All heavy atoms as atom14 arrays in JSON, in Angstrom:
{
  "sequence": "PASGKLSTLNGRQVPANAIYLVGVLACLYSLSGEFDLLTDLGT",
  "atom14_mask": [
    [1, 1, 1, 1, 1, 1, 1, 0, 0, 0, 0, 0, 0, 0],
    [1, 1, 1, 1, 1, 0, 0, 0, 0, 0, 0, 0, 0, 0],
    [1, 1, 1, 1, 1, 1, 0, 0, 0, 0, 0, 0, 0, 0],
    [1, 1, 1, 1, 0, 0, 0, 0, 0, 0, 0, 0, 0, 0],
    [1, 1, 1, 1, 1, 1, 1, 1, 1, 0, 0, 0, 0, 0],
    [1, 1, 1, 1, 1, 1, 1, 1, 0, 0, 0, 0, 0, 0],
    [1, 1, 1, 1, 1, 1, 0, 0, 0, 0, 0, 0, 0, 0],
    [1, 1, 1, 1, 1, 1, 1, 0, 0, 0, 0, 0, 0, 0],
    [1, 1, 1, 1, 1, 1, 1, 1, 0, 0, 0, 0, 0, 0],
    [1, 1, 1, 1, 1, 1, 1, 1, 0, 0, 0, 0, 0, 0],
    [1, 1, 1, 1, 0, 0, 0, 0, 0, 0, 0, 0, 0, 0],
    [1, 1, 1, 1, 1, 1, 1, 1, 1, 1, 1, 0, 0, 0],
    [1, 1, 1, 1, 1, 1, 1, 1, 1, 0, 0, 0, 0, 0],
    [1, 1, 1, 1, 1, 1, 1, 0, 0, 0, 0, 0, 0, 0],
    [1, 1, 1, 1, 1, 1, 1, 0, 0, 0, 0, 0, 0, 0],
    [1, 1, 1, 1, 1, 0, 0, 0, 0, 0, 0, 0, 0, 0],
    [1, 1, 1, 1, 1, 1, 1, 1, 0, 0, 0, 0, 0, 0],
    [1, 1, 1, 1, 1, 0, 0, 0, 0, 0, 0, 0, 0, 0],
    [1, 1, 1, 1, 1, 1, 1, 1, 0, 0, 0, 0, 0, 0],
    [1, 1, 1, 1, 1, 1, 1, 1, 1, 1, 1, 1, 0, 0],
    [1, 1, 1, 1, 1, 1, 1, 1, 0, 0, 0, 0, 0, 0],
    [1, 1, 1, 1, 1, 1, 1, 0, 0, 0, 0, 0, 0, 0],
    [1, 1, 1, 1, 0, 0, 0, 0, 0, 0, 0, 0, 0, 0],
    [1, 1, 1, 1, 1, 1, 1, 0, 0, 0, 0, 0, 0, 0],
    [1, 1, 1, 1, 1, 1, 1, 1, 0, 0, 0, 0, 0, 0],
    [1, 1, 1, 1, 1, 0, 0, 0, 0, 0, 0, 0, 0, 0],
    [1, 1, 1, 1, 1, 1, 0, 0, 0, 0, 0, 0, 0, 0],
    [1, 1, 1, 1, 1, 1, 1, 1, 0, 0, 0, 0, 0, 0],
    [1, 1, 1, 1, 1, 1, 1, 1, 1, 1, 1, 1, 0, 0],
    [1, 1, 1, 1, 1, 1, 0, 0, 0, 0, 0, 0, 0, 0],
    [1, 1, 1, 1, 1, 1, 1, 1, 0, 0, 0, 0, 0, 0],
    [1, 1, 1, 1, 1, 1, 0, 0, 0, 0, 0, 0, 0, 0],
    [1, 1, 1, 1, 0, 0, 0, 0, 0, 0, 0, 0, 0, 0],
    [1, 1, 1, 1, 1, 1, 1, 1, 1, 0, 0, 0, 0, 0],
    [1, 1, 1, 1, 1, 1, 1, 1, 1, 1, 1, 0, 0, 0],
    [1, 1, 1, 1, 1, 1, 1, 1, 0, 0, 0, 0, 0, 0],
    [1, 1, 1, 1, 1, 1, 1, 1, 0, 0, 0, 0, 0, 0],
    [1, 1, 1, 1, 1, 1, 1, 1, 0, 0, 0, 0, 0, 0],
    [1, 1, 1, 1, 1, 1, 1, 0, 0, 0, 0, 0, 0, 0],
    [1, 1, 1, 1, 1, 1, 1, 1, 0, 0, 0, 0, 0, 0],
    [1, 1, 1, 1, 1, 1, 1, 1, 0, 0, 0, 0, 0, 0],
    [1, 1, 1, 1, 0, 0, 0, 0, 0, 0, 0, 0, 0, 0],
    [1, 1, 1, 1, 1, 1, 1, 0, 0, 0, 0, 0, 0, 0]
  ],
  "atom14_positions": [
    [[-2.79, 6.38, 11.52], [-3.7, 7.46, 11.14], [-4.83, 6.91, 10.27], [-4.63, 5.99, 9.48], [-2.79, 8.41, 10.34], [-1.4, 8.09, 10.81], [-1.4, 6.64, 11.14], [0.0, 0.0, 0.0], [0.0, 0.0, 0.0], [0.0, 0.0, 0.0], [0.0, 0.0, 0.0], [0.0, 0.0, 0.0], [0.0, 0.0, 0.0], [0.0, 0.0, 0.0]],
    [[-6.03, 7.46, 10.43], [-7.21, 7.01, 9.68], [-7.52, 5.54, 9.93], [-7.94, 4.82, 9.03], [-7.03, 7.27, 8.19], [0.0, 0.0, 0.0], [0.0, 0.0, 0.0], [0.0, 0.0, 0.0], [0.0, 0.0, 0.0], [0.0, 0.0, 0.0], [0.0, 0.0, 0.0], [0.0, 0.0, 0.0], [0.0, 0.0, 0.0], [0.0, 0.0, 0.0]],
    [[-7.31, 5.09, 11.18], [-7.53, 3.68, 11.51], [-8.99, 3.26, 11.28], [-9.26, 2.12, 10.91], [-7.15, 3.4, 12.97], [-5.76, 3.44, 13.14], [0.0, 0.0, 0.0], [0.0, 0.0, 0.0], [0.0, 0.0, 0.0], [0.0, 0.0, 0.0], [0.0, 0.0, 0.0], [0.0, 0.0, 0.0], [0.0, 0.0, 0.0], [0.0, 0.0, 0.0]],
    [[-9.92, 4.19, 11.5], [-11.32, 3.86, 11.3], [-11.61, 3.42, 9.88], [-12.37, 2.47, 9.66], [0.0, 0.0, 0.0], [0.0, 0.0, 0.0], [0.0, 0.0, 0.0], [0.0, 0.0, 0.0], [0.0, 0.0, 0.0], [0.0, 0.0, 0.0], [0.0, 0.0, 0.0], [0.0, 0.0, 0.0], [0.0, 0.0, 0.0], [0.0, 0.0, 0.0]],
    [[-11.01, 4.1, 8.92], [-11.2, 3.75, 7.51], [-10.42, 2.48, 7.14], [-10.93, 1.61, 6.42], [-10.74, 4.9, 6.61], [-11.57, 6.16, 6.74], [-12.95, 5.98, 6.15], [-13.71, 7.29, 6.14], [-15.09, 7.12, 5.59], [0.0, 0.0, 0.0], [0.0, 0.0, 0.0], [0.0, 0.0, 0.0], [0.0, 0.0, 0.0], [0.0, 0.0, 0.0]],
    [[-9.19, 2.39, 7.62], [-8.34, 1.26, 7.23], [-8.76, -0.05, 7.86], [-8.39, -1.12, 7.38], [-6.88, 1.57, 7.6], [-6.22, 2.73, 6.85], [-4.86, 3.04, 7.43], [-6.1, 2.4, 5.37], [0.0, 0.0, 0.0], [0.0, 0.0, 0.0], [0.0, 0.0, 0.0], [0.0, 0.0, 0.0], [0.0, 0.0, 0.0], [0.0, 0.0, 0.0]],
    [[-9.54, 0.0, 8.94], [-9.96, -1.23, 9.62], [-11.31, -1.74, 9.14], [-11.84, -2.7, 9.68], [-10.01, -1.01, 11.13], [-10.96, -0.01, 11.46], [0.0, 0.0, 0.0], [0.0, 0.0, 0.0], [0.0, 0.0, 0.0], [0.0, 0.0, 0.0], [0.0, 0.0, 0.0], [0.0, 0.0, 0.0], [0.0, 0.0, 0.0], [0.0, 0.0, 0.0]],
    [[-11.88, -1.11, 8.12], [-13.17, -1.57, 7.61], [-12.98, -2.62, 6.53], [-11.95, -2.66, 5.85], [-13.97, -0.4, 7.01], [-13.19, 0.23, 5.99], [-14.33, 0.62, 8.08], [0.0, 0.0, 0.0], [0.0, 0.0, 0.0], [0.0, 0.0, 0.0], [0.0, 0.0, 0.0], [0.0, 0.0, 0.0], [0.0, 0.0, 0.0], [0.0, 0.0, 0.0]],
    [[-13.98, -3.48, 6.39], [-13.99, -4.51, 5.35], [-15.08, -4.15, 4.35], [-16.13, -3.63, 4.72], [-14.27, -5.88, 5.94], [-13.33, -6.37, 7.06], [-13.77, -7.73, 7.56], [-11.89, -6.42, 6.57], [0.0, 0.0, 0.0], [0.0, 0.0, 0.0], [0.0, 0.0, 0.0], [0.0, 0.0, 0.0], [0.0, 0.0, 0.0], [0.0, 0.0, 0.0]],
    [[-14.83, -4.44, 3.08], [-15.85, -4.15, 2.08], [-16.87, -5.29, 2.01], [-16.85, -6.21, 2.84], [-15.22, -3.89, 0.7], [-14.53, -5.11, 0.12], [-14.64, -6.22, 0.65], [-13.82, -4.92, -0.97], [0.0, 0.0, 0.0], [0.0, 0.0, 0.0], [0.0, 0.0, 0.0], [0.0, 0.0, 0.0], [0.0, 0.0, 0.0], [0.0, 0.0, 0.0]],
    [[-17.76, -5.24, 1.05], [-18.8, -6.25, 0.94], [-18.28, -7.65, 0.7], [-18.99, -8.63, 0.95], [0.0, 0.0, 0.0], [0.0, 0.0, 0.0], [0.0, 0.0, 0.0], [0.0, 0.0, 0.0], [0.0, 0.0, 0.0], [0.0, 0.0, 0.0], [0.0, 0.0, 0.0], [0.0, 0.0, 0.0], [0.0, 0.0, 0.0], [0.0, 0.0, 0.0]],
    [[-17.06, -7.77, 0.21], [-16.44, -9.09, -0.02], [-15.55, -9.51, 1.14], [-14.77, -10.44, 1.02], [-15.66, -9.08, -1.33], [-16.55, -8.84, -2.55], [-15.73, -8.8, -3.83], [-16.56, -8.5, -4.99], [-17.18, -9.41, -5.74], [-17.04, -10.7, -5.43], [-17.91, -9.06, -6.77], [0.0, 0.0, 0.0], [0.0, 0.0, 0.0], [0.0, 0.0, 0.0]],
    [[-15.66, -8.76, 2.23], [-14.97, -9.08, 3.48], [-13.44, -9.07, 3.35], [-12.75, -9.92, 3.88], [-15.43, -10.43, 4.05], [-16.9, -10.42, 4.47], [-17.34, -11.76, 5.0], [-17.84, -12.61, 4.26], [-17.18, -11.97, 6.28], [0.0, 0.0, 0.0], [0.0, 0.0, 0.0], [0.0, 0.0, 0.0], [0.0, 0.0, 0.0], [0.0, 0.0, 0.0]],
    [[-12.93, -8.1, 2.62], [-11.49, -7.86, 2.54], [-11.23, -6.4, 2.9], [-12.09, -5.54, 2.66], [-10.91, -8.19, 1.15], [-11.01, -9.67, 0.85], [-11.59, -7.37, 0.07], [0.0, 0.0, 0.0], [0.0, 0.0, 0.0], [0.0, 0.0, 0.0], [0.0, 0.0, 0.0], [0.0, 0.0, 0.0], [0.0, 0.0, 0.0], [0.0, 0.0, 0.0]],
    [[-10.05, -6.09, 3.44], [-9.75, -4.7, 3.85], [-9.37, -3.84, 2.66], [-8.2, -3.58, 2.39], [-8.57, -4.89, 4.82], [-7.9, -6.13, 4.35], [-8.98, -7.03, 3.82], [0.0, 0.0, 0.0], [0.0, 0.0, 0.0], [0.0, 0.0, 0.0], [0.0, 0.0, 0.0], [0.0, 0.0, 0.0], [0.0, 0.0, 0.0], [0.0, 0.0, 0.0]],
    [[-10.37, -3.35, 1.94], [-10.14, -2.65, 0.68], [-9.3, -1.38, 0.87], [-8.39, -1.11, 0.07], [-11.48, -2.29, 0.03], [0.0, 0.0, 0.0], [0.0, 0.0, 0.0], [0.0, 0.0, 0.0], [0.0, 0.0, 0.0], [0.0, 0.0, 0.0], [0.0, 0.0, 0.0], [0.0, 0.0, 0.0], [0.0, 0.0, 0.0], [0.0, 0.0, 0.0]],
    [[-9.58, -0.59, 1.91], [-8.82, 0.64, 2.1], [-7.35, 0.36, 2.42], [-6.47, 1.11, 2.0], [-9.44, 1.47, 3.22], [-10.76, 2.11, 2.8], [-10.95, 2.4, 1.62], [-11.66, 2.32, 3.74], [0.0, 0.0, 0.0], [0.0, 0.0, 0.0], [0.0, 0.0, 0.0], [0.0, 0.0, 0.0], [0.0, 0.0, 0.0], [0.0, 0.0, 0.0]],
    [[-7.1, -0.72, 3.16], [-5.71, -1.11, 3.43], [-5.02, -1.56, 2.14], [-3.82, -1.29, 1.94], [-5.67, -2.23, 4.47], [0.0, 0.0, 0.0], [0.0, 0.0, 0.0], [0.0, 0.0, 0.0], [0.0, 0.0, 0.0], [0.0, 0.0, 0.0], [0.0, 0.0, 0.0], [0.0, 0.0, 0.0], [0.0, 0.0, 0.0], [0.0, 0.0, 0.0]],
    [[-5.76, -2.22, 1.27], [-5.21, -2.61, -0.03], [-4.86, -1.37, -0.85], [-3.79, -1.29, -1.46], [-6.22, -3.51, -0.79], [-6.36, -4.85, -0.08], [-5.77, -3.72, -2.24], [-7.51, -5.71, -0.59], [0.0, 0.0, 0.0], [0.0, 0.0, 0.0], [0.0, 0.0, 0.0], [0.0, 0.0, 0.0], [0.0, 0.0, 0.0], [0.0, 0.0, 0.0]],
    [[-5.77, -0.38, -0.85], [-5.48, 0.87, -1.56], [-4.24, 1.56, -0.99], [-3.42, 2.1, -1.74], [-6.68, 1.81, -1.46], [-7.84, 1.45, -2.36], [-9.12, 1.29, -1.84], [-7.65, 1.3, -3.73], [-10.19, 0.96, -2.67], [-8.72, 0.97, -4.55], [-9.99, 0.81, -4.02], [-11.04, 0.48, -4.84], [0.0, 0.0, 0.0], [0.0, 0.0, 0.0]],
    [[-4.08, 1.56, 0.34], [-2.95, 2.22, 0.96], [-1.63, 1.65, 0.46], [-0.75, 2.39, 0.0], [-3.03, 2.1, 2.49], [-1.8, 2.58, 3.27], [-1.58, 4.07, 3.07], [-1.93, 2.23, 4.75], [0.0, 0.0, 0.0], [0.0, 0.0, 0.0], [0.0, 0.0, 0.0], [0.0, 0.0, 0.0], [0.0, 0.0, 0.0], [0.0, 0.0, 0.0]],
    [[-1.47, 0.34, 0.56], [-0.22, -0.3, 0.13], [-0.03, -0.13, -1.37], [1.08, 0.15, -1.85], [-0.22, -1.79, 0.52], [1.02, -2.5, 0.0], [-0.3, -1.95, 2.04], [0.0, 0.0, 0.0], [0.0, 0.0, 0.0], [0.0, 0.0, 0.0], [0.0, 0.0, 0.0], [0.0, 0.0, 0.0], [0.0, 0.0, 0.0], [0.0, 0.0, 0.0]],
    [[-1.11, -0.27, -2.14], [-1.01, -0.15, -3.59], [-0.63, 1.24, -4.04], [0.2, 1.42, -4.94], [0.0, 0.0, 0.0], [0.0, 0.0, 0.0], [0.0, 0.0, 0.0], [0.0, 0.0, 0.0], [0.0, 0.0, 0.0], [0.0, 0.0, 0.0], [0.0, 0.0, 0.0], [0.0, 0.0, 0.0], [0.0, 0.0, 0.0], [0.0, 0.0, 0.0]],
    [[-1.24, 2.27, -3.45], [-0.93, 3.65, -3.84], [0.51, 4.02, -3.46], [1.22, 4.68, -4.24], [-1.94, 4.62, -3.2], [-1.5, 6.06, -3.38], [-3.33, 4.42, -3.81], [0.0, 0.0, 0.0], [0.0, 0.0, 0.0], [0.0, 0.0, 0.0], [0.0, 0.0, 0.0], [0.0, 0.0, 0.0], [0.0, 0.0, 0.0], [0.0, 0.0, 0.0]],
    [[0.95, 3.6, -2.26], [2.35, 3.83, -1.9], [3.29, 3.18, -2.91], [4.31, 3.76, -3.3], [2.63, 3.29, -0.5], [2.13, 4.13, 0.68], [2.36, 3.38, 2.0], [2.81, 5.49, 0.72], [0.0, 0.0, 0.0], [0.0, 0.0, 0.0], [0.0, 0.0, 0.0], [0.0, 0.0, 0.0], [0.0, 0.0, 0.0], [0.0, 0.0, 0.0]],
    [[2.94, 1.97, -3.34], [3.76, 1.27, -4.34], [3.81, 2.04, -5.65], [4.88, 2.15, -6.28], [3.23, -0.13, -4.57], [0.0, 0.0, 0.0], [0.0, 0.0, 0.0], [0.0, 0.0, 0.0], [0.0, 0.0, 0.0], [0.0, 0.0, 0.0], [0.0, 0.0, 0.0], [0.0, 0.0, 0.0], [0.0, 0.0, 0.0], [0.0, 0.0, 0.0]],
    [[2.68, 2.59, -6.07], [2.67, 3.39, -7.3], [3.58, 4.61, -7.17], [4.3, 4.96, -8.12], [1.23, 3.83, -7.62], [0.13, 2.5, -8.16], [0.0, 0.0, 0.0], [0.0, 0.0, 0.0], [0.0, 0.0, 0.0], [0.0, 0.0, 0.0], [0.0, 0.0, 0.0], [0.0, 0.0, 0.0], [0.0, 0.0, 0.0], [0.0, 0.0, 0.0]],
    [[3.56, 5.25, -6.0], [4.44, 6.41, -5.78], [5.9, 6.0, -5.8], [6.74, 6.67, -6.41], [4.09, 7.08, -4.46], [2.7, 7.75, -4.38], [2.44, 8.26, -2.97], [2.6, 8.88, -5.39], [0.0, 0.0, 0.0], [0.0, 0.0, 0.0], [0.0, 0.0, 0.0], [0.0, 0.0, 0.0], [0.0, 0.0, 0.0], [0.0, 0.0, 0.0]],
    [[6.23, 4.88, -5.12], [7.62, 4.42, -5.09], [8.11, 4.03, -6.48], [9.29, 4.19, -6.8], [7.75, 3.22, -4.16], [7.61, 3.53, -2.68], [7.54, 2.51, -1.74], [7.55, 4.83, -2.21], [7.41, 2.77, -0.38], [7.43, 5.11, -0.87], [7.35, 4.08, 0.04], [7.22, 4.35, 1.37], [0.0, 0.0, 0.0], [0.0, 0.0, 0.0]],
    [[7.21, 3.5, -7.29], [7.63, 3.03, -8.62], [8.09, 4.18, -9.51], [8.76, 3.95, -10.52], [6.49, 2.26, -9.29], [5.41, 3.14, -9.6], [0.0, 0.0, 0.0], [0.0, 0.0, 0.0], [0.0, 0.0, 0.0], [0.0, 0.0, 0.0], [0.0, 0.0, 0.0], [0.0, 0.0, 0.0], [0.0, 0.0, 0.0], [0.0, 0.0, 0.0]],
    [[7.74, 5.42, -9.15], [8.19, 6.57, -9.94], [9.71, 6.68, -9.95], [10.28, 7.3, -10.84], [7.58, 7.87, -9.38], [6.05, 7.98, -9.46], [5.58, 9.26, -8.77], [5.57, 7.94, -10.9], [0.0, 0.0, 0.0], [0.0, 0.0, 0.0], [0.0, 0.0, 0.0], [0.0, 0.0, 0.0], [0.0, 0.0, 0.0], [0.0, 0.0, 0.0]],
    [[10.38, 6.09, -8.95], [11.84, 6.12, -8.93], [12.43, 5.3, -10.06], [13.54, 5.59, -10.53], [12.36, 5.59, -7.59], [12.12, 4.19, -7.48], [0.0, 0.0, 0.0], [0.0, 0.0, 0.0], [0.0, 0.0, 0.0], [0.0, 0.0, 0.0], [0.0, 0.0, 0.0], [0.0, 0.0, 0.0], [0.0, 0.0, 0.0], [0.0, 0.0, 0.0]],
    [[11.73, 4.23, -10.48], [12.23, 3.37, -11.54], [13.44, 2.55, -11.16], [14.1, 1.95, -12.02], [0.0, 0.0, 0.0], [0.0, 0.0, 0.0], [0.0, 0.0, 0.0], [0.0, 0.0, 0.0], [0.0, 0.0, 0.0], [0.0, 0.0, 0.0], [0.0, 0.0, 0.0], [0.0, 0.0, 0.0], [0.0, 0.0, 0.0], [0.0, 0.0, 0.0]],
    [[13.76, 2.46, -9.86], [14.98, 1.8, -9.38], [14.64, 0.49, -8.67], [14.24, 0.49, -7.5], [15.74, 2.72, -8.44], [16.3, 3.96, -9.09], [17.51, 3.65, -9.95], [18.13, 2.58, -9.75], [17.84, 4.47, -10.82], [0.0, 0.0, 0.0], [0.0, 0.0, 0.0], [0.0, 0.0, 0.0], [0.0, 0.0, 0.0], [0.0, 0.0, 0.0]],
    [[14.82, -0.62, -9.35], [14.51, -1.92, -8.76], [15.38, -2.21, -7.55], [14.89, -2.57, -6.48], [14.68, -3.02, -9.82], [14.55, -4.41, -9.27], [13.32, -4.93, -8.92], [15.68, -5.21, -9.11], [13.2, -6.22, -8.42], [15.57, -6.49, -8.61], [14.33, -7.0, -8.27], [0.0, 0.0, 0.0], [0.0, 0.0, 0.0], [0.0, 0.0, 0.0]],
    [[16.7, -2.07, -7.7], [17.61, -2.39, -6.6], [17.41, -1.47, -5.41], [17.43, -1.9, -4.26], [19.07, -2.33, -7.07], [19.42, -3.49, -7.99], [18.87, -4.59, -7.78], [20.24, -3.3, -8.91], [0.0, 0.0, 0.0], [0.0, 0.0, 0.0], [0.0, 0.0, 0.0], [0.0, 0.0, 0.0], [0.0, 0.0, 0.0], [0.0, 0.0, 0.0]],
    [[17.21, -0.19, -5.67], [16.98, 0.78, -4.6], [15.72, 0.4, -3.8], [15.72, 0.39, -2.57], [16.84, 2.19, -5.17], [16.44, 3.28, -4.17], [17.57, 3.52, -3.18], [16.1, 4.57, -4.91], [0.0, 0.0, 0.0], [0.0, 0.0, 0.0], [0.0, 0.0, 0.0], [0.0, 0.0, 0.0], [0.0, 0.0, 0.0], [0.0, 0.0, 0.0]],
    [[14.66, 0.06, -4.5], [13.39, -0.25, -3.85], [13.48, -1.53, -3.02], [12.99, -1.59, -1.9], [12.29, -0.39, -4.91], [11.89, 0.91, -5.62], [11.07, 0.62, -6.86], [11.12, 1.82, -4.67], [0.0, 0.0, 0.0], [0.0, 0.0, 0.0], [0.0, 0.0, 0.0], [0.0, 0.0, 0.0], [0.0, 0.0, 0.0], [0.0, 0.0, 0.0]],
    [[14.12, -2.56, -3.57], [14.18, -3.83, -2.86], [15.2, -3.81, -1.72], [15.0, -4.48, -0.7], [14.51, -4.98, -3.83], [15.7, -4.66, -4.57], [13.36, -5.2, -4.81], [0.0, 0.0, 0.0], [0.0, 0.0, 0.0], [0.0, 0.0, 0.0], [0.0, 0.0, 0.0], [0.0, 0.0, 0.0], [0.0, 0.0, 0.0], [0.0, 0.0, 0.0]],
    [[16.27, -3.03, -1.88], [17.28, -2.95, -0.82], [16.76, -2.18, 0.4], [17.2, -2.41, 1.52], [18.55, -2.27, -1.32], [19.34, -3.16, -2.28], [19.01, -4.35, -2.36], [20.27, -2.65, -2.94], [0.0, 0.0, 0.0], [0.0, 0.0, 0.0], [0.0, 0.0, 0.0], [0.0, 0.0, 0.0], [0.0, 0.0, 0.0], [0.0, 0.0, 0.0]],
    [[15.84, -1.25, 0.16], [15.41, -0.34, 1.2], [14.85, -1.06, 2.42], [15.14, -0.7, 3.57], [14.35, 0.62, 0.64], [13.88, 1.76, 1.56], [15.04, 2.65, 1.93], [12.77, 2.56, 0.89], [0.0, 0.0, 0.0], [0.0, 0.0, 0.0], [0.0, 0.0, 0.0], [0.0, 0.0, 0.0], [0.0, 0.0, 0.0], [0.0, 0.0, 0.0]],
    [[14.04, -2.09, 2.19], [13.39, -2.75, 3.32], [14.12, -3.93, 3.92], [13.75, -4.39, 5.01], [0.0, 0.0, 0.0], [0.0, 0.0, 0.0], [0.0, 0.0, 0.0], [0.0, 0.0, 0.0], [0.0, 0.0, 0.0], [0.0, 0.0, 0.0], [0.0, 0.0, 0.0], [0.0, 0.0, 0.0], [0.0, 0.0, 0.0], [0.0, 0.0, 0.0]],
    [[15.16, -4.44, 3.24], [15.75, -5.7, 3.66], [16.37, -5.63, 5.05], [16.1, -6.48, 5.9], [16.83, -6.14, 2.65], [16.22, -6.27, 1.36], [17.44, -7.47, 3.06], [0.0, 0.0, 0.0], [0.0, 0.0, 0.0], [0.0, 0.0, 0.0], [0.0, 0.0, 0.0], [0.0, 0.0, 0.0], [0.0, 0.0, 0.0], [0.0, 0.0, 0.0]]
  ]
}
């Protein structure tokens, strides 16, 4: 979803919107405060 935005590069030629996506999801996940839960989830 929103591929048009996520596939753009900023003036420094990095995918800024994709960086925001992963970073914002991480901020939301960090609200759990559970290190083991977070790291076990993806393994």
